[in-house]
N, C-alpha and C. Protein backbone atom coordinates (compact mmCIF):
# COMPACT_ATOMS: atom_id res chain seq x y z
N MET A 1 8.22 -9.91 28.67
CA MET A 1 7.02 -10.53 29.16
C MET A 1 6.31 -11.31 28.07
N LEU A 2 6.25 -10.75 26.85
CA LEU A 2 5.58 -11.45 25.76
C LEU A 2 6.27 -12.76 25.41
N ARG A 3 7.59 -12.75 25.44
CA ARG A 3 8.33 -13.99 25.13
C ARG A 3 8.05 -15.05 26.18
N GLU A 4 7.96 -14.63 27.43
CA GLU A 4 7.65 -15.57 28.50
C GLU A 4 6.25 -16.16 28.31
N LEU A 5 5.29 -15.30 27.97
CA LEU A 5 3.93 -15.78 27.72
C LEU A 5 3.90 -16.74 26.54
N GLU A 6 4.65 -16.41 25.50
CA GLU A 6 4.71 -17.27 24.32
C GLU A 6 5.27 -18.64 24.68
N ALA A 7 6.34 -18.66 25.47
CA ALA A 7 6.95 -19.93 25.87
C ALA A 7 5.99 -20.76 26.71
N ARG A 8 5.31 -20.10 27.64
CA ARG A 8 4.35 -20.82 28.48
C ARG A 8 3.18 -21.34 27.65
N ALA A 9 2.71 -20.53 26.72
CA ALA A 9 1.60 -20.95 25.86
C ALA A 9 2.00 -22.13 25.00
N THR A 10 3.20 -22.09 24.46
CA THR A 10 3.69 -23.20 23.64
C THR A 10 3.76 -24.48 24.44
N ALA A 11 4.26 -24.38 25.66
CA ALA A 11 4.35 -25.57 26.52
C ALA A 11 2.96 -26.12 26.84
N LEU A 12 2.03 -25.23 27.14
CA LEU A 12 0.68 -25.68 27.46
C LEU A 12 -0.05 -26.23 26.25
N MET A 13 0.24 -25.67 25.08
CA MET A 13 -0.44 -26.13 23.86
C MET A 13 -0.05 -27.55 23.49
N SER A 14 1.08 -28.02 23.98
CA SER A 14 1.49 -29.38 23.68
C SER A 14 0.73 -30.39 24.54
N GLY A 15 -0.06 -29.89 25.48
CA GLY A 15 -0.83 -30.77 26.36
C GLY A 15 -2.13 -31.22 25.72
N ASP A 16 -3.06 -31.63 26.55
CA ASP A 16 -4.34 -32.13 26.08
C ASP A 16 -5.28 -30.98 25.68
N GLY A 17 -6.48 -31.35 25.24
CA GLY A 17 -7.46 -30.36 24.80
C GLY A 17 -7.84 -29.38 25.89
N ARG A 18 -7.89 -29.87 27.11
CA ARG A 18 -8.24 -29.00 28.24
C ARG A 18 -7.17 -27.92 28.43
N SER A 19 -5.91 -28.30 28.32
CA SER A 19 -4.81 -27.33 28.43
C SER A 19 -4.88 -26.30 27.32
N ARG A 20 -5.19 -26.75 26.12
CA ARG A 20 -5.27 -25.83 24.98
C ARG A 20 -6.41 -24.83 25.17
N ARG A 21 -7.54 -25.29 25.68
CA ARG A 21 -8.66 -24.38 25.93
C ARG A 21 -8.29 -23.36 27.01
N ARG A 22 -7.59 -23.81 28.04
CA ARG A 22 -7.16 -22.91 29.11
C ARG A 22 -6.22 -21.84 28.55
N VAL A 23 -5.30 -22.26 27.70
CA VAL A 23 -4.36 -21.31 27.08
C VAL A 23 -5.14 -20.31 26.22
N ALA A 24 -6.08 -20.81 25.45
CA ALA A 24 -6.87 -19.92 24.58
C ALA A 24 -7.62 -18.88 25.41
N ARG A 25 -8.20 -19.30 26.52
CA ARG A 25 -8.91 -18.35 27.40
C ARG A 25 -7.95 -17.31 27.97
N ARG A 26 -6.80 -17.74 28.41
CA ARG A 26 -5.82 -16.81 28.98
C ARG A 26 -5.31 -15.82 27.94
N LEU A 27 -5.04 -16.32 26.75
CA LEU A 27 -4.56 -15.43 25.69
C LEU A 27 -5.63 -14.42 25.30
N GLU A 28 -6.87 -14.87 25.22
CA GLU A 28 -7.96 -13.95 24.88
C GLU A 28 -8.11 -12.89 25.96
N SER A 29 -7.97 -13.28 27.20
CA SER A 29 -8.05 -12.32 28.31
C SER A 29 -6.92 -11.30 28.22
N PHE A 30 -5.71 -11.78 27.94
CA PHE A 30 -4.56 -10.90 27.79
C PHE A 30 -4.77 -9.92 26.65
N LEU A 31 -5.25 -10.42 25.51
CA LEU A 31 -5.48 -9.55 24.35
C LEU A 31 -6.56 -8.52 24.64
N SER A 32 -7.59 -8.93 25.34
CA SER A 32 -8.67 -8.01 25.69
C SER A 32 -8.16 -6.89 26.57
N ARG A 33 -7.38 -7.23 27.59
CA ARG A 33 -6.81 -6.21 28.48
C ARG A 33 -5.86 -5.29 27.71
N SER A 34 -5.10 -5.87 26.78
CA SER A 34 -4.17 -5.07 25.99
C SER A 34 -4.92 -4.08 25.11
N ARG A 35 -6.00 -4.53 24.49
CA ARG A 35 -6.80 -3.64 23.65
C ARG A 35 -7.37 -2.48 24.47
N LYS A 36 -7.86 -2.79 25.66
CA LYS A 36 -8.41 -1.73 26.52
C LYS A 36 -7.33 -0.74 26.92
N ALA A 37 -6.16 -1.24 27.26
CA ALA A 37 -5.05 -0.36 27.65
C ALA A 37 -4.65 0.54 26.50
N ILE A 38 -4.60 0.00 25.30
CA ILE A 38 -4.23 0.79 24.12
C ILE A 38 -5.29 1.86 23.85
N THR A 39 -6.55 1.49 23.96
CA THR A 39 -7.63 2.45 23.75
C THR A 39 -7.53 3.60 24.75
N ASN A 40 -7.28 3.26 26.01
CA ASN A 40 -7.13 4.30 27.05
C ASN A 40 -5.92 5.18 26.78
N LEU A 41 -4.81 4.57 26.37
CA LEU A 41 -3.60 5.33 26.06
C LEU A 41 -3.85 6.29 24.90
N GLU A 42 -4.50 5.80 23.85
CA GLU A 42 -4.81 6.67 22.71
C GLU A 42 -5.66 7.86 23.13
N ALA A 43 -6.65 7.61 23.97
CA ALA A 43 -7.53 8.69 24.42
C ALA A 43 -6.73 9.73 25.20
N GLU A 44 -5.85 9.28 26.08
CA GLU A 44 -5.04 10.21 26.87
C GLU A 44 -4.09 11.01 25.99
N VAL A 45 -3.41 10.35 25.06
CA VAL A 45 -2.48 11.06 24.18
C VAL A 45 -3.23 12.07 23.33
N THR A 46 -4.39 11.68 22.82
CA THR A 46 -5.20 12.59 22.01
C THR A 46 -5.60 13.82 22.81
N LYS A 47 -6.02 13.62 24.07
CA LYS A 47 -6.41 14.75 24.93
C LYS A 47 -5.23 15.69 25.15
N VAL A 48 -4.06 15.13 25.41
CA VAL A 48 -2.87 15.95 25.65
C VAL A 48 -2.50 16.74 24.40
N LEU A 49 -2.51 16.09 23.25
CA LEU A 49 -2.17 16.78 22.01
C LEU A 49 -3.15 17.92 21.73
N ARG A 50 -4.43 17.67 21.96
CA ARG A 50 -5.42 18.73 21.74
C ARG A 50 -5.23 19.87 22.74
N ARG A 51 -4.92 19.53 23.99
CA ARG A 51 -4.69 20.54 25.02
C ARG A 51 -3.49 21.42 24.64
N LEU A 52 -2.52 20.83 23.96
CA LEU A 52 -1.34 21.58 23.53
C LEU A 52 -1.58 22.35 22.23
N GLY A 53 -2.79 22.25 21.71
CA GLY A 53 -3.12 22.96 20.48
C GLY A 53 -2.66 22.24 19.23
N LEU A 54 -2.44 20.96 19.33
CA LEU A 54 -1.96 20.18 18.19
C LEU A 54 -3.08 19.29 17.66
N ARG A 55 -4.20 19.92 17.30
CA ARG A 55 -5.38 19.17 16.87
C ARG A 55 -5.08 18.27 15.67
N SER A 56 -4.31 18.76 14.69
CA SER A 56 -4.02 17.94 13.52
C SER A 56 -3.21 16.71 13.90
N ARG A 57 -2.27 16.87 14.83
CA ARG A 57 -1.49 15.72 15.32
C ARG A 57 -2.39 14.75 16.06
N ALA A 58 -3.33 15.29 16.83
CA ALA A 58 -4.26 14.44 17.57
C ALA A 58 -5.10 13.62 16.60
N ASP A 59 -5.56 14.26 15.52
CA ASP A 59 -6.36 13.55 14.53
C ASP A 59 -5.55 12.47 13.83
N GLU A 60 -4.26 12.76 13.57
CA GLU A 60 -3.38 11.77 12.94
C GLU A 60 -3.11 10.60 13.88
N TRP A 61 -2.98 10.90 15.17
CA TRP A 61 -2.61 9.90 16.17
C TRP A 61 -3.72 8.88 16.39
N THR A 62 -4.97 9.33 16.37
CA THR A 62 -6.10 8.47 16.72
C THR A 62 -6.10 7.21 15.87
N GLY A 63 -6.04 6.08 16.52
CA GLY A 63 -6.06 4.79 15.84
C GLY A 63 -4.70 4.22 15.50
N VAL A 64 -3.66 5.03 15.58
CA VAL A 64 -2.33 4.56 15.19
C VAL A 64 -1.81 3.48 16.13
N ALA A 65 -1.91 3.69 17.42
CA ALA A 65 -1.39 2.71 18.39
C ALA A 65 -2.10 1.38 18.24
N PHE A 66 -3.40 1.41 18.04
CA PHE A 66 -4.15 0.16 17.90
C PHE A 66 -3.75 -0.55 16.60
N ALA A 67 -3.55 0.22 15.53
CA ALA A 67 -3.12 -0.37 14.26
C ALA A 67 -1.75 -1.03 14.40
N VAL A 68 -0.87 -0.38 15.13
CA VAL A 68 0.46 -0.95 15.37
C VAL A 68 0.33 -2.24 16.17
N PHE A 69 -0.53 -2.23 17.19
CA PHE A 69 -0.76 -3.41 18.02
C PHE A 69 -1.27 -4.57 17.16
N LEU A 70 -2.13 -4.27 16.19
CA LEU A 70 -2.68 -5.31 15.33
C LEU A 70 -1.73 -5.71 14.21
N GLY A 71 -0.64 -4.97 14.06
CA GLY A 71 0.32 -5.28 13.01
C GLY A 71 -0.05 -4.70 11.66
N VAL A 72 -0.93 -3.72 11.66
CA VAL A 72 -1.36 -3.07 10.42
C VAL A 72 -0.41 -1.92 10.14
N THR A 73 0.10 -1.85 8.93
CA THR A 73 0.98 -0.73 8.59
C THR A 73 0.14 0.45 8.16
N VAL A 74 0.54 1.62 8.59
CA VAL A 74 -0.19 2.84 8.26
C VAL A 74 0.60 3.57 7.20
N ALA A 75 -0.06 3.79 6.06
CA ALA A 75 0.62 4.47 4.95
C ALA A 75 0.45 5.96 5.04
C-alpha cells in the first residue's frame, strides 16, 4: 500500500501547484491517521503486557513502535 501511495504521490507532484497542495494534504492526513493508529496499538500492547505481569516489558515497549514509525533507532 505504501508503494502505491508513493507512486500516486510522485505522479501528482509532477503536476501544478494545486496538485502538489492536494498531495500534501492527503499525505498529512495519512500520517496523522497512522500516528493515531500507532498510539492506540502501543496503548493496547502496554495494557496486555501489564495484565500478563510483564511491567518491565511494558515500560520498555512504550514509545518503541512510534520511534520505529519515525525511523528513529532505539539503542
